[in-house]
Amino acid sequence: MDYGTYRGVYTIIMMLVFGGIIWWAYSKHSKKKFDHVAHSILDDEDIKKSNDKESETRQD
C-alpha cells in the first residue's frame, strides 16, 4: 500500500466518524438530553438556592 491508499482510507474513516457524530447529535435520544441542558440555564432554582445560602452566611 502506498501513501495515496493510506490517505484514502484515512479520509473514509474520518467521513464515517463525522457521520456518526452527526447521527448522534440529531438522534431523538440525544434531543431530550440537549433540550434539558439548554433549558437548565434558564432555571432560576439554582441561583435562588445559592443566593439564600449566601444571605444566611452573611447574617451570621
N, C-alpha and C. Protein backbone atom coordinates (compact mmCIF):
# COMPACT_ATOMS: atom_id res chain seq x y z
N MET A 1 0.86 -1.19 0.00
CA MET A 1 0.00 0.00 0.00
C MET A 1 0.89 1.24 0.00
N ASP A 2 0.53 2.16 -0.81
CA ASP A 2 1.31 3.38 -0.90
C ASP A 2 0.63 4.51 -0.09
N TYR A 3 1.24 5.65 -0.12
CA TYR A 3 0.78 6.80 0.66
C TYR A 3 -0.63 7.24 0.25
N GLY A 4 -0.95 7.19 -1.01
CA GLY A 4 -2.27 7.59 -1.51
C GLY A 4 -3.37 6.70 -0.97
N THR A 5 -3.09 5.42 -0.84
CA THR A 5 -4.07 4.48 -0.31
C THR A 5 -4.34 4.77 1.16
N TYR A 6 -3.29 5.05 1.92
CA TYR A 6 -3.46 5.39 3.34
C TYR A 6 -4.31 6.65 3.50
N ARG A 7 -4.04 7.63 2.65
CA ARG A 7 -4.82 8.87 2.72
C ARG A 7 -6.29 8.62 2.39
N GLY A 8 -6.55 7.75 1.42
CA GLY A 8 -7.92 7.41 1.06
C GLY A 8 -8.64 6.70 2.20
N VAL A 9 -7.97 5.74 2.82
CA VAL A 9 -8.56 5.01 3.94
C VAL A 9 -8.80 5.95 5.11
N TYR A 10 -7.84 6.81 5.38
CA TYR A 10 -7.99 7.79 6.46
C TYR A 10 -9.17 8.72 6.19
N THR A 11 -9.33 9.15 4.96
CA THR A 11 -10.45 10.03 4.60
C THR A 11 -11.78 9.32 4.81
N ILE A 12 -11.88 8.07 4.42
CA ILE A 12 -13.12 7.32 4.61
C ILE A 12 -13.43 7.14 6.09
N ILE A 13 -12.42 6.83 6.88
CA ILE A 13 -12.62 6.68 8.33
C ILE A 13 -13.10 7.98 8.94
N MET A 14 -12.50 9.10 8.56
CA MET A 14 -12.91 10.39 9.10
C MET A 14 -14.33 10.76 8.67
N MET A 15 -14.71 10.40 7.45
CA MET A 15 -16.08 10.66 7.00
C MET A 15 -17.07 9.84 7.82
N LEU A 16 -16.73 8.60 8.13
CA LEU A 16 -17.60 7.76 8.96
C LEU A 16 -17.71 8.31 10.38
N VAL A 17 -16.60 8.77 10.93
CA VAL A 17 -16.63 9.37 12.27
C VAL A 17 -17.49 10.62 12.26
N PHE A 18 -17.33 11.46 11.27
CA PHE A 18 -18.14 12.67 11.15
C PHE A 18 -19.63 12.32 11.03
N GLY A 19 -19.95 11.35 10.20
CA GLY A 19 -21.34 10.91 10.06
C GLY A 19 -21.89 10.37 11.37
N GLY A 20 -21.09 9.64 12.12
CA GLY A 20 -21.51 9.12 13.42
C GLY A 20 -21.80 10.23 14.40
N ILE A 21 -20.98 11.25 14.42
CA ILE A 21 -21.20 12.39 15.32
C ILE A 21 -22.48 13.12 14.94
N ILE A 22 -22.71 13.32 13.66
CA ILE A 22 -23.94 13.98 13.19
C ILE A 22 -25.16 13.15 13.57
N TRP A 23 -25.10 11.84 13.36
CA TRP A 23 -26.21 10.95 13.70
C TRP A 23 -26.49 11.02 15.21
N TRP A 24 -25.43 10.97 16.03
CA TRP A 24 -25.60 11.02 17.48
C TRP A 24 -26.21 12.36 17.91
N ALA A 25 -25.75 13.45 17.33
CA ALA A 25 -26.23 14.77 17.74
C ALA A 25 -27.69 15.00 17.39
N TYR A 26 -28.16 14.41 16.30
CA TYR A 26 -29.53 14.64 15.87
C TYR A 26 -30.48 13.48 16.18
N SER A 27 -30.03 12.50 16.94
CA SER A 27 -30.93 11.39 17.28
C SER A 27 -31.95 11.85 18.32
N LYS A 28 -33.09 11.16 18.37
CA LYS A 28 -34.16 11.54 19.29
C LYS A 28 -33.73 11.38 20.74
N HIS A 29 -32.93 10.37 21.03
CA HIS A 29 -32.47 10.15 22.40
C HIS A 29 -31.62 11.33 22.89
N SER A 30 -30.75 11.82 22.04
CA SER A 30 -29.90 12.95 22.43
C SER A 30 -30.68 14.25 22.49
N LYS A 31 -31.73 14.38 21.70
CA LYS A 31 -32.50 15.62 21.67
C LYS A 31 -33.10 15.93 23.04
N LYS A 32 -33.61 14.92 23.72
CA LYS A 32 -34.19 15.12 25.05
C LYS A 32 -33.14 15.67 26.02
N LYS A 33 -31.97 15.07 25.99
CA LYS A 33 -30.91 15.50 26.89
C LYS A 33 -30.43 16.91 26.56
N PHE A 34 -30.26 17.20 25.27
CA PHE A 34 -29.81 18.51 24.85
C PHE A 34 -30.83 19.59 25.18
N ASP A 35 -32.13 19.28 25.01
CA ASP A 35 -33.17 20.25 25.36
C ASP A 35 -33.17 20.53 26.86
N HIS A 36 -32.98 19.49 27.67
CA HIS A 36 -32.93 19.69 29.12
C HIS A 36 -31.75 20.58 29.51
N VAL A 37 -30.60 20.32 28.93
CA VAL A 37 -29.42 21.12 29.24
C VAL A 37 -29.60 22.56 28.76
N ALA A 38 -30.21 22.73 27.59
CA ALA A 38 -30.41 24.08 27.06
C ALA A 38 -31.35 24.89 27.93
N HIS A 39 -32.38 24.25 28.48
CA HIS A 39 -33.34 24.97 29.31
C HIS A 39 -32.89 25.09 30.75
N SER A 40 -31.93 24.28 31.17
CA SER A 40 -31.48 24.35 32.56
C SER A 40 -30.75 25.66 32.85
N ILE A 41 -30.22 26.28 31.84
CA ILE A 41 -29.55 27.56 32.04
C ILE A 41 -30.56 28.62 32.46
N LEU A 42 -31.77 28.48 31.97
CA LEU A 42 -32.80 29.47 32.26
C LEU A 42 -33.50 29.23 33.59
N ASP A 43 -33.25 28.10 34.22
CA ASP A 43 -33.87 27.81 35.51
C ASP A 43 -33.26 28.69 36.59
N ASP A 44 -34.11 29.26 37.43
CA ASP A 44 -33.63 30.14 38.49
C ASP A 44 -33.48 29.42 39.82
N GLU A 45 -33.83 28.15 39.90
CA GLU A 45 -33.79 27.44 41.16
C GLU A 45 -32.38 27.40 41.76
N ASP A 46 -31.41 27.08 40.93
CA ASP A 46 -30.04 27.01 41.43
C ASP A 46 -29.54 28.38 41.90
N ILE A 47 -29.91 29.41 41.20
CA ILE A 47 -29.49 30.76 41.57
C ILE A 47 -30.13 31.16 42.89
N LYS A 48 -31.41 30.86 43.06
CA LYS A 48 -32.10 31.20 44.30
C LYS A 48 -31.50 30.46 45.47
N LYS A 49 -31.18 29.18 45.29
CA LYS A 49 -30.59 28.39 46.38
C LYS A 49 -29.24 28.97 46.79
N SER A 50 -28.40 29.33 45.81
CA SER A 50 -27.08 29.86 46.14
C SER A 50 -27.20 31.24 46.79
N ASN A 51 -28.17 32.05 46.36
CA ASN A 51 -28.36 33.36 46.98
C ASN A 51 -28.87 33.22 48.40
N ASP A 52 -29.75 32.24 48.67
CA ASP A 52 -30.24 32.02 50.02
C ASP A 52 -29.11 31.59 50.95
N LYS A 53 -28.23 30.73 50.47
CA LYS A 53 -27.11 30.27 51.28
C LYS A 53 -26.16 31.44 51.59
N GLU A 54 -25.92 32.29 50.61
CA GLU A 54 -25.04 33.43 50.81
C GLU A 54 -25.63 34.41 51.81
N SER A 55 -26.93 34.65 51.73
CA SER A 55 -27.56 35.59 52.65
C SER A 55 -27.58 35.03 54.06
N GLU A 56 -27.72 33.72 54.22
CA GLU A 56 -27.69 33.11 55.55
C GLU A 56 -26.32 33.25 56.18
N THR A 57 -25.26 33.07 55.40
CA THR A 57 -23.92 33.18 55.96
C THR A 57 -23.56 34.63 56.27
N ARG A 58 -24.10 35.57 55.56
CA ARG A 58 -23.81 36.98 55.83
C ARG A 58 -24.48 37.45 57.11
N GLN A 59 -25.64 36.88 57.40
CA GLN A 59 -26.36 37.29 58.61
C GLN A 59 -25.70 36.77 59.87
N ASP A 60 -24.97 35.68 59.77
CA ASP A 60 -24.32 35.08 60.95
C ASP A 60 -23.17 35.87 61.44
